[in-house]
Each structure stands twice: as C-alpha cells, then as structure tokens.
Amino acid sequence: MNYFVNEKGYYGDFGGAYIPEMLYPNVEELQQNYLQIINDADFQKEFHALLKDYVGRPSPLYLAKRLSAKYNANIFLKREDLNHTGAHKINNTIGQILLAEKLGKKRIIAETGAGQHGVATATVCALRGLECVIYMGEVDIQRQAPNVARMKMLGAKVISAVSGSKTLKDATNEAMRDWINNPVDTHYIIGSVVGPHPYPDMVSIFQSVISEETKKQLLEQTGSGEPDYVLACVGGGSNAMGMFYHFINDENVKLIAVEAAGKGVSSGFSAATTFLGKEGVLHGSRSILMQTADGQVVEPHSVSAGLDYPGIGPQHAHLFKTTRAEYVSITDDESLHAGLLCTQLEGIIPAIESAHALAYLEKMTFTGNENVVVCLSGRGDKDMDTYMKYFGF
C-alpha cells in the first residue's frame, strides 16, 4: 500500500487540484518546481539552519512522568509548543517563505484559525521583508485576540472574514479569492495539509521534521525508534501528518488522529470529519468533508479554533479509508479538562488543539510498558481566555 502522493497528485482516491482556471498558472508553477527547489542542497542548508538557529529545533521529546504514572504507560510529549511562535506552524512557514523567494514572489497571503499559522506567516514575512496579508474569521479574531495583536505587531494586515461561520473555512475562501485576483506576485502559504496538489505534500514534507526528530530522540531514550502509539490532533491535519510522516510505513506503530467532536458527534455542533463527512471536494482537493445531501458544506464547531474545519487533508482521508490510521474524536469538555490535567501534572499549559490528543489517553488501556508519543502541537497562551472562562479562574 502506498500512503504517499503519486505523480498525479493523489493519495489513493483523494487529492488532485480542483481549482478555478485563473489559479492554474500559480498551481502549475508550484507543481513543476516545488520538489526541485525543496531538494536543492542550498535550500536544505538554509531551511535547516533557520530551523536550528531561529525556530530552536530540535524540539524536546519529554517523558512526562506524572502523566505516565496516571495512564500506566511511558507518555512522551513532542514539544512543538517550545518552537519560536509557540506551535508547529513555523516549520512550514519557514519552508514556504524560502520557496516563495525562489519563485520571485513579493507578496504573501495566508489563512488562519487559531492564529498560530497567521503569527508564523507574519513572523517569516517580517524576517524576510515581504508584504503579508492574513485572512481570519471574525469569530476567531475575537477568541484569539492575542494572536491578532501579534500579527499586527509583526507588520501583517489582518482581514476579517465575515461570511458563513466566520471561522477557518471562510478565511480560506477569502484567501483563495485574493490569490485569484493577484496571481502574478503573490504566494499563498497554506497552513495545513489541505488545498490543491502540491500543498498537502509540500506542507507534510516541511512538517516531517517532527517525526524525523522523534525517531532519533526515542531511540536515544528507549533504545528503539519505534513507539507503540503516536497521537496527534487533527483539523486540516498538519501537525498530525508531520508527527506520522516517518512512521507511516512502519505498520507496528499505531497512528491515532484525534478530531474535534465539539459538543458531541451527533449534536449538530461538531468538527468530527471522518465520523460525519462524505467524499467530496473542498478548497481545491478531493477529500472527506462534512456536507449536506446536496453537497453544501456543513458549518463545523469546536472550542479550538485550529480544529474548527469541516474537512481533513487528502492524505488523512487516505489513511482513514485504508485504516492505516485510526480516527477518533474528543469533545470540547474532554479537551479542556485534559488541558487542565496536563497543566497541573506537568506544568505545561497545552493549546486546546493539543489537549484533544491528550484527552484520548483517558480512553486507552495500557499494560505499563508501551511507549506513547503525543504531539504537543502548540502552547496554551493563546487559549487562556477560553480556559479562564470555562474553569472560572
């Protein structure tokens, strides 16, 4: 079974480039050049130098002893929250800004939900001196105000998306429209493993540094580079794909992707795509998405802005359909309590997105010897207002 992209841009039944004719030159330019650019020795040298000296990689693989005692397993946290800007998103934006420069682009656009991708994009634009425009849903702007302020301080223009649910899906729609209207000088830094080919592959390659490091670190700490389980939260799915990437072909490693059940899978307020979705096209690729009988996108809900998305990346859809990875879901309440537990047991405040993955540990049974890696995709600073309101701090 091939779990990676083929020469036509598909993962099994999923992927491709379903795009307006106006976008064809942009996407074709990327398709024809991205692998050559990414694999160039000078590109790799600069990319890894920035990951090391600017982002602060490698991020630690931390054995969380008190969580381990609670769950009767060796719980390792891959500390993407310790990256510069506070999440895994910076890995991808560093790669894409270098790619955009190679293609001669002078203007950068991006979409963001939780704001972490927006901050990471604004950060690399400030680093390289490029114009930056960030699209963000009106609802997300309100619940992620600290990140909005960071983007503006970094010099980005933040544009509110006021259509639909006013969240990530709608911000993505607005960014796509911008790209159509500015095809020559603009590069769209998509923040997840979604969108038309080659974005899902390109983003997963940049994020694969997460699992590449994890294998080496786990080998050093345990004598084996193979964990028993790897867990990560999934909205579009970039931290999960980065966390899974170098384990996908190792069938002994169980991959668990944790979606947002919101107020409950059957509540009408959920973002559990694999439970509620059907195959279709969203934001330029064929995947699995939440939709009505006549194909209209269903509005998602999650307490975590980064998981509030009605679809998943095409590679995730393929891993789900082939059963290579298990897709599960966690409610808003479960994630918030898991975030508090991690904070009080380990002194680490996780992003609510990451807390979804931590929450699934409650539903697993261990014998005491298993090595379990959880991707701590981001830090909880941005979510303090939500935590404070929920717990009454």
Protein backbone atom coordinates (compact mmCIF):
# COMPACT_ATOMS: atom_id res chain seq x y z
CA MET A 1 0.00 0.00 0.00
CA ASN A 2 1.31 3.43 -0.97
CA TYR A 3 0.33 6.05 1.59
CA PHE A 4 2.11 8.94 -0.13
CA VAL A 5 1.28 11.13 -3.11
CA ASN A 6 1.54 9.75 -6.65
CA GLU A 7 2.77 11.57 -9.75
CA LYS A 8 -0.76 12.84 -10.46
CA GLY A 9 -1.12 14.44 -7.03
CA TYR A 10 -3.38 11.80 -5.48
CA TYR A 11 -3.33 9.70 -2.32
CA GLY A 12 -5.45 6.77 -3.43
CA ASP A 13 -8.86 8.30 -4.16
CA PHE A 14 -8.01 11.68 -2.66
CA GLY A 15 -6.06 14.78 -3.62
CA GLY A 16 -5.70 16.41 -7.03
CA ALA A 17 -6.06 20.07 -7.91
CA TYR A 18 -9.69 21.20 -8.30
CA ILE A 19 -9.11 24.88 -8.97
CA PRO A 20 -10.53 27.82 -10.93
CA GLU A 21 -8.90 28.38 -14.30
CA MET A 22 -7.42 31.65 -13.03
CA LEU A 23 -5.36 29.75 -10.45
CA TYR A 24 -4.00 27.17 -12.86
CA PRO A 25 -0.74 29.05 -13.68
CA ASN A 26 0.08 29.52 -9.97
CA VAL A 27 -0.59 25.92 -9.03
CA GLU A 28 1.13 24.52 -12.11
CA GLU A 29 4.21 26.65 -11.31
CA LEU A 30 4.32 25.08 -7.85
CA GLN A 31 3.70 21.56 -9.13
CA GLN A 32 6.55 21.79 -11.63
CA ASN A 33 9.09 23.37 -9.30
CA TYR A 34 8.46 22.52 -5.64
CA LEU A 35 10.38 19.24 -5.41
CA GLN A 36 13.39 20.55 -7.31
CA ILE A 37 13.52 23.66 -5.10
CA ILE A 38 12.95 21.80 -1.81
CA ASN A 39 15.52 19.11 -2.58
CA ASP A 40 18.23 21.57 -3.64
CA ALA A 41 21.24 21.37 -1.32
CA ASP A 42 21.40 25.14 -0.74
CA PHE A 43 17.68 25.27 0.08
CA GLN A 44 18.04 22.41 2.57
CA LYS A 45 21.06 24.06 4.17
CA GLU A 46 19.23 27.37 4.69
CA PHE A 47 15.99 25.67 5.78
CA HIS A 48 17.70 23.58 8.46
CA ALA A 49 19.88 26.48 9.61
CA LEU A 50 16.75 28.55 10.25
CA LEU A 51 15.01 25.62 11.98
CA LYS A 52 18.02 25.30 14.29
CA ASP A 53 19.01 28.91 14.97
CA TYR A 54 15.71 30.76 14.53
CA VAL A 55 12.99 28.25 15.45
CA GLY A 56 15.03 26.47 18.13
CA ARG A 57 14.89 22.91 16.82
CA PRO A 58 15.15 20.11 17.64
CA SER A 59 12.17 20.44 19.95
CA PRO A 60 12.50 18.19 23.02
CA LEU A 61 10.88 14.77 23.38
CA TYR A 62 9.87 14.90 27.02
CA LEU A 63 8.98 11.86 29.15
CA ALA A 64 6.02 13.17 31.17
CA LYS A 65 6.46 11.15 34.34
CA ARG A 66 3.30 12.17 36.18
CA LEU A 67 1.10 11.63 33.12
CA SER A 68 2.91 8.32 32.61
CA ALA A 69 2.09 7.23 36.16
CA LYS A 70 -1.56 8.21 35.72
CA TYR A 71 -2.02 6.30 32.46
CA ASN A 72 0.31 3.35 33.16
CA ALA A 73 2.45 3.91 30.05
CA ASN A 74 5.51 5.87 29.02
CA ILE A 75 3.93 9.11 27.78
CA PHE A 76 6.32 11.20 25.71
CA LEU A 77 5.38 14.74 24.67
CA LYS A 78 6.88 16.07 21.44
CA ARG A 79 7.30 19.69 22.49
CA GLU A 80 6.30 21.67 19.38
CA ASP A 81 4.93 24.24 21.84
CA LEU A 82 8.53 25.27 22.53
CA ASN A 83 9.16 26.38 18.94
CA HIS A 84 9.52 30.10 18.20
CA THR A 85 5.96 31.50 17.89
CA GLY A 86 4.57 28.69 20.05
CA ALA A 87 3.48 25.93 17.66
CA HIS A 88 4.45 23.58 14.86
CA LYS A 89 3.23 26.05 12.21
CA ILE A 90 6.61 27.81 11.94
CA ASN A 91 8.21 24.69 10.39
CA ASN A 92 6.01 25.06 7.32
CA THR A 93 6.14 28.85 7.00
CA ILE A 94 9.95 28.83 7.07
CA GLY A 95 9.94 26.32 4.20
CA GLN A 96 7.29 28.12 2.17
CA ILE A 97 8.80 31.60 2.53
CA LEU A 98 12.09 30.27 1.14
CA LEU A 99 10.17 28.60 -1.68
CA ALA A 100 8.26 31.83 -2.43
CA GLU A 101 11.54 33.75 -2.67
CA LYS A 102 12.92 31.19 -5.13
CA LEU A 103 9.79 31.73 -7.26
CA GLY A 104 10.25 35.52 -7.15
CA LYS A 105 7.09 36.28 -5.16
CA LYS A 106 6.94 39.60 -3.29
CA ARG A 107 3.58 39.33 -1.50
CA ILE A 108 2.40 36.64 0.91
CA ILE A 109 -1.16 35.73 1.87
CA ALA A 110 -2.36 33.14 4.38
CA GLU A 111 -5.45 31.94 6.23
CA THR A 112 -5.55 31.21 9.94
CA GLY A 113 -7.96 29.80 12.52
CA ALA A 114 -6.29 29.66 15.92
CA GLY A 115 -3.95 32.38 14.75
CA GLN A 116 -0.79 30.32 15.11
CA HIS A 117 -0.32 29.93 11.36
CA GLY A 118 -1.05 33.62 10.91
CA VAL A 119 1.56 34.52 13.51
CA ALA A 120 4.08 32.12 11.96
CA THR A 121 3.44 33.58 8.48
CA ALA A 122 3.69 37.17 9.73
CA THR A 123 6.91 36.20 11.52
CA VAL A 124 8.68 34.86 8.45
CA CYS A 125 7.45 37.80 6.35
CA ALA A 126 9.00 40.16 8.90
CA LEU A 127 12.16 38.06 8.84
CA ARG A 128 12.46 38.27 5.05
CA GLY A 129 10.88 41.70 4.44
CA LEU A 130 7.85 40.62 2.40
CA GLU A 131 4.32 42.10 2.38
CA CYS A 132 1.91 39.96 4.44
CA VAL A 133 -1.90 39.72 4.39
CA ILE A 134 -3.68 37.32 6.79
CA TYR A 135 -7.33 36.26 6.44
CA MET A 136 -9.05 35.26 9.67
CA GLY A 137 -12.68 34.56 10.55
CA GLU A 138 -14.45 37.26 12.56
CA VAL A 139 -15.28 34.74 15.30
CA ASP A 140 -11.65 33.61 15.52
CA ILE A 141 -10.41 37.20 15.64
CA GLN A 142 -12.50 37.66 18.80
CA ARG A 143 -11.48 34.42 20.53
CA GLN A 144 -7.80 34.63 19.55
CA ALA A 145 -7.21 38.34 20.19
CA PRO A 146 -3.61 37.97 21.49
CA ASN A 147 -2.53 36.32 18.24
CA VAL A 148 -4.24 39.02 16.18
CA ALA A 149 -2.25 41.64 18.07
CA ARG A 150 0.96 39.69 17.46
CA MET A 151 0.29 39.54 13.70
CA LYS A 152 -0.33 43.28 13.54
CA MET A 153 2.79 44.00 15.62
CA LEU A 154 4.77 41.88 13.13
CA GLY A 155 3.55 44.14 10.31
CA ALA A 156 0.82 41.96 8.80
CA LYS A 157 -2.54 43.23 7.59
CA VAL A 158 -5.32 41.14 9.17
CA ILE A 159 -8.57 40.97 7.16
CA SER A 160 -11.75 39.69 8.82
CA ALA A 161 -13.82 37.02 7.04
CA VAL A 162 -17.47 37.74 7.78
CA SER A 163 -19.24 35.09 5.67
CA GLY A 164 -20.55 31.67 6.73
CA SER A 165 -19.48 30.58 10.20
CA LYS A 166 -16.82 33.33 10.20
CA THR A 167 -14.10 30.78 11.05
CA LEU A 168 -11.27 28.92 9.30
CA LYS A 169 -13.26 27.66 6.30
CA ASP A 170 -14.36 31.18 5.47
CA ALA A 171 -10.88 32.64 5.96
CA THR A 172 -9.60 30.03 3.49
CA ASN A 173 -12.29 31.02 0.97
CA GLU A 174 -11.23 34.68 1.22
CA ALA A 175 -7.54 33.83 0.82
CA MET A 176 -8.34 31.79 -2.31
CA ARG A 177 -10.23 34.76 -3.78
CA ASP A 178 -7.26 37.03 -3.08
CA TRP A 179 -4.92 34.62 -4.85
CA ILE A 180 -7.20 34.50 -7.89
CA ASN A 181 -7.13 38.31 -8.04
CA ASN A 182 -3.34 38.57 -7.53
CA PRO A 183 -1.87 35.62 -9.44
CA VAL A 184 1.49 37.04 -10.52
CA ASP A 185 3.26 38.48 -7.47
CA THR A 186 1.53 36.56 -4.64
CA HIS A 187 2.31 33.25 -2.94
CA TYR A 188 -0.37 31.66 -0.77
CA ILE A 189 1.16 29.97 2.29
CA ILE A 190 -1.49 27.37 3.11
CA GLY A 191 -1.15 26.41 6.75
CA SER A 192 -2.25 22.79 6.69
CA VAL A 193 -2.06 19.63 4.56
CA VAL A 194 -5.08 20.79 2.55
CA GLY A 195 -5.62 22.56 -0.74
CA PRO A 196 -4.71 21.63 -4.31
CA HIS A 197 -1.65 19.49 -5.09
CA PRO A 198 1.20 20.10 -4.29
CA TYR A 199 0.24 21.80 -0.99
CA PRO A 200 -0.66 18.66 1.01
CA ASP A 201 2.63 17.02 0.04
CA MET A 202 4.70 20.18 0.41
CA VAL A 203 3.37 21.02 3.88
CA SER A 204 3.77 17.44 5.09
CA ILE A 205 7.40 17.42 3.90
CA PHE A 206 8.16 20.62 5.83
CA GLN A 207 6.37 19.28 8.94
CA SER A 208 8.00 15.83 8.70
CA VAL A 209 10.91 17.20 10.75
CA ILE A 210 8.68 16.44 13.78
CA SER A 211 8.68 12.66 13.28
CA GLU A 212 12.24 12.65 11.92
CA GLU A 213 13.47 14.09 15.22
CA THR A 214 11.14 11.92 17.29
CA LYS A 215 12.58 8.67 15.89
CA LYS A 216 16.12 9.74 16.79
CA GLN A 217 15.14 11.05 20.22
CA LEU A 218 13.11 7.96 21.10
CA LEU A 219 16.00 5.72 20.06
CA GLU A 220 18.33 7.66 22.36
CA GLN A 221 15.92 7.48 25.30
CA THR A 222 14.48 3.97 24.96
CA GLY A 223 16.77 2.02 22.62
CA SER A 224 14.03 1.84 19.97
CA GLY A 225 12.93 4.40 17.41
CA GLU A 226 9.51 2.74 17.18
CA PRO A 227 6.82 3.90 19.62
CA ASP A 228 3.77 1.72 20.17
CA TYR A 229 1.38 4.62 19.62
CA VAL A 230 1.59 8.09 18.07
CA LEU A 231 -1.23 10.54 18.82
CA ALA A 232 -1.95 13.96 17.34
CA CYS A 233 -4.94 16.26 16.98
CA VAL A 234 -6.40 16.79 13.51
CA GLY A 235 -8.24 19.72 11.97
CA GLY A 236 -6.79 20.02 8.49
CA GLY A 237 -4.02 17.86 9.90
CA SER A 238 -0.53 19.37 9.52
CA ASN A 239 0.86 18.59 12.97
CA ALA A 240 -0.54 15.06 12.73
CA MET A 241 0.96 14.48 9.29
CA GLY A 242 4.31 15.78 10.49
CA MET A 243 4.08 13.52 13.53
CA PHE A 244 3.00 10.48 11.46
CA TYR A 245 5.21 11.01 8.39
CA HIS A 246 8.26 8.85 9.21
CA PHE A 247 6.14 6.19 10.93
CA ILE A 248 3.55 5.67 8.17
CA ASN A 249 5.34 2.75 6.52
CA ASP A 250 6.03 1.09 9.89
CA GLU A 251 2.89 -0.95 10.45
CA ASN A 252 3.95 -1.77 14.04
CA VAL A 253 3.36 1.85 15.04
CA LYS A 254 -0.31 2.60 15.70
CA LEU A 255 -1.29 6.05 14.46
CA ILE A 256 -4.19 7.79 16.21
CA ALA A 257 -5.63 11.03 14.85
CA VAL A 258 -7.92 12.93 17.23
CA GLU A 259 -10.64 15.11 15.74
CA ALA A 260 -12.87 17.66 17.48
CA ALA A 261 -16.26 16.25 18.46
CA GLY A 262 -17.30 19.72 19.65
CA LYS A 263 -20.46 19.45 21.74
CA GLY A 264 -20.84 15.81 20.65
CA VAL A 265 -20.61 13.99 17.33
CA SER A 266 -24.41 13.91 16.96
CA SER A 267 -25.08 17.34 18.48
CA GLY A 268 -25.01 19.35 15.27
CA PHE A 269 -22.04 21.26 16.72
CA SER A 270 -19.02 19.18 15.77
CA ALA A 271 -15.94 19.04 13.56
CA ALA A 272 -15.52 15.23 13.58
CA THR A 273 -14.99 14.99 9.83
CA THR A 274 -14.39 11.26 9.45
CA PHE A 275 -17.50 10.43 11.51
CA LEU A 276 -19.81 12.92 9.84
CA GLY A 277 -18.25 13.51 6.43
CA LYS A 278 -18.52 12.13 2.92
CA GLU A 279 -16.14 12.21 -0.01
CA GLY A 280 -16.15 15.44 -1.98
CA VAL A 281 -14.13 18.48 -2.99
CA LEU A 282 -13.15 21.27 -0.59
CA HIS A 283 -10.60 24.07 -1.07
CA GLY A 284 -9.01 22.56 -4.14
CA SER A 285 -8.69 18.85 -3.38
CA ARG A 286 -10.82 15.74 -3.17
CA SER A 287 -11.09 14.58 0.41
CA ILE A 288 -13.64 13.84 3.14
CA LEU A 289 -15.75 16.75 4.34
CA MET A 290 -18.91 17.50 6.29
CA GLN A 291 -21.64 18.27 3.77
CA THR A 292 -25.39 18.20 3.28
CA ALA A 293 -27.17 15.75 0.98
CA ASP A 294 -26.93 18.28 -1.86
CA GLY A 295 -23.23 18.93 -1.29
CA GLN A 296 -23.29 22.16 0.73
CA VAL A 297 -20.53 22.41 3.34
CA VAL A 298 -21.79 21.93 6.90
CA GLU A 299 -20.57 24.54 9.40
CA PRO A 300 -18.17 22.93 11.90
CA HIS A 301 -17.88 23.66 15.61
CA SER A 302 -15.01 23.26 18.06
CA VAL A 303 -13.89 25.15 21.14
CA SER A 304 -10.43 25.06 19.49
CA ALA A 305 -10.17 27.48 16.58
CA GLY A 306 -7.46 25.37 14.91
CA LEU A 307 -9.72 22.29 14.69
CA ASP A 308 -12.83 24.21 13.61
CA TYR A 309 -12.66 22.98 10.00
CA PRO A 310 -15.20 20.90 8.03
CA GLY A 311 -12.67 18.68 6.22
CA ILE A 312 -9.35 16.90 6.52
CA GLY A 313 -6.31 16.80 4.27
CA PRO A 314 -6.40 14.24 1.43
CA GLN A 315 -3.56 12.16 2.88
CA HIS A 316 -5.52 11.86 6.12
CA ALA A 317 -8.59 10.80 4.13
CA HIS A 318 -6.44 8.09 2.52
CA LEU A 319 -5.03 6.92 5.86
CA PHE A 320 -8.58 6.77 7.22
CA LYS A 321 -10.04 4.88 4.25
CA THR A 322 -7.19 2.36 4.21
CA THR A 323 -7.39 2.04 8.04
CA ARG A 324 -3.65 2.77 8.36
CA ALA A 325 -4.52 5.36 11.00
CA GLU A 326 -7.37 5.34 13.49
CA TYR A 327 -9.53 8.48 13.57
CA VAL A 328 -11.29 9.24 16.85
CA SER A 329 -12.94 12.31 18.38
CA ILE A 330 -12.91 14.24 21.66
CA THR A 331 -15.47 16.77 22.91
CA ASP A 332 -14.87 20.37 23.94
CA ASP A 333 -15.34 19.47 27.61
CA GLU A 334 -12.97 16.49 27.45
CA SER A 335 -10.26 18.56 25.79
CA LEU A 336 -10.48 21.41 28.29
CA HIS A 337 -10.23 19.03 31.25
CA ALA A 338 -7.26 17.27 29.63
CA GLY A 339 -5.56 20.65 29.17
CA LEU A 340 -6.05 21.44 32.86
CA LEU A 341 -4.77 17.99 33.87
CA CYS A 342 -1.59 18.35 31.80
CA THR A 343 -1.05 21.79 33.29
CA GLN A 344 -1.41 20.61 36.87
CA LEU A 345 0.53 17.34 36.49
CA GLU A 346 3.37 18.53 34.25
CA GLY A 347 3.46 22.32 34.50
CA ILE A 348 2.76 22.60 30.76
CA ILE A 349 -0.27 24.56 29.51
CA PRO A 350 -1.16 22.99 26.14
CA ALA A 351 -3.07 24.59 23.30
CA ILE A 352 -6.67 23.38 23.37
CA GLU A 353 -6.00 21.74 19.98
CA SER A 354 -3.19 19.64 21.51
CA ALA A 355 -5.35 18.90 24.56
CA HIS A 356 -7.69 16.91 22.28
CA ALA A 357 -4.87 14.43 21.68
CA LEU A 358 -4.03 14.31 25.41
CA ALA A 359 -7.70 13.67 26.23
CA TYR A 360 -7.78 10.47 24.20
CA LEU A 361 -5.32 8.89 26.65
CA GLU A 362 -8.32 8.59 29.01
CA LYS A 363 -9.96 6.20 26.55
CA MET A 364 -6.93 3.93 26.07
CA THR A 365 -5.79 0.95 28.15
CA PHE A 366 -2.11 0.17 28.66
CA THR A 367 -0.14 -2.69 30.22
CA GLY A 368 2.61 -0.47 31.61
CA ASN A 369 5.35 -0.96 29.01
CA GLU A 370 4.03 0.94 26.00
CA ASN A 371 5.86 3.95 24.58
CA VAL A 372 3.29 6.55 23.58
CA VAL A 373 4.19 9.79 21.77
CA VAL A 374 1.73 12.68 21.84
CA CYS A 375 2.36 15.70 19.64
CA LEU A 376 2.04 18.79 21.81
CA SER A 377 1.41 20.92 18.73
CA GLY A 378 1.16 24.29 20.47
CA ARG A 379 1.23 26.18 23.75
CA GLY A 380 -1.87 27.38 25.54
CA ASP A 381 -1.03 31.07 25.91
CA LYS A 382 -3.44 31.93 23.10
CA ASP A 383 -6.24 29.98 24.82
CA MET A 384 -6.02 31.46 28.31
CA ASP A 385 -9.23 33.43 27.88
CA THR A 386 -11.12 30.23 26.97
CA TYR A 387 -9.58 28.29 29.87
CA MET A 388 -10.32 31.17 32.27
CA LYS A 389 -13.96 31.44 31.26
CA TYR A 390 -14.52 27.67 31.36
CA PHE A 391 -12.90 27.00 34.73
CA GLY A 392 -13.63 30.36 36.34
CA PHE A 393 -10.03 31.30 37.06
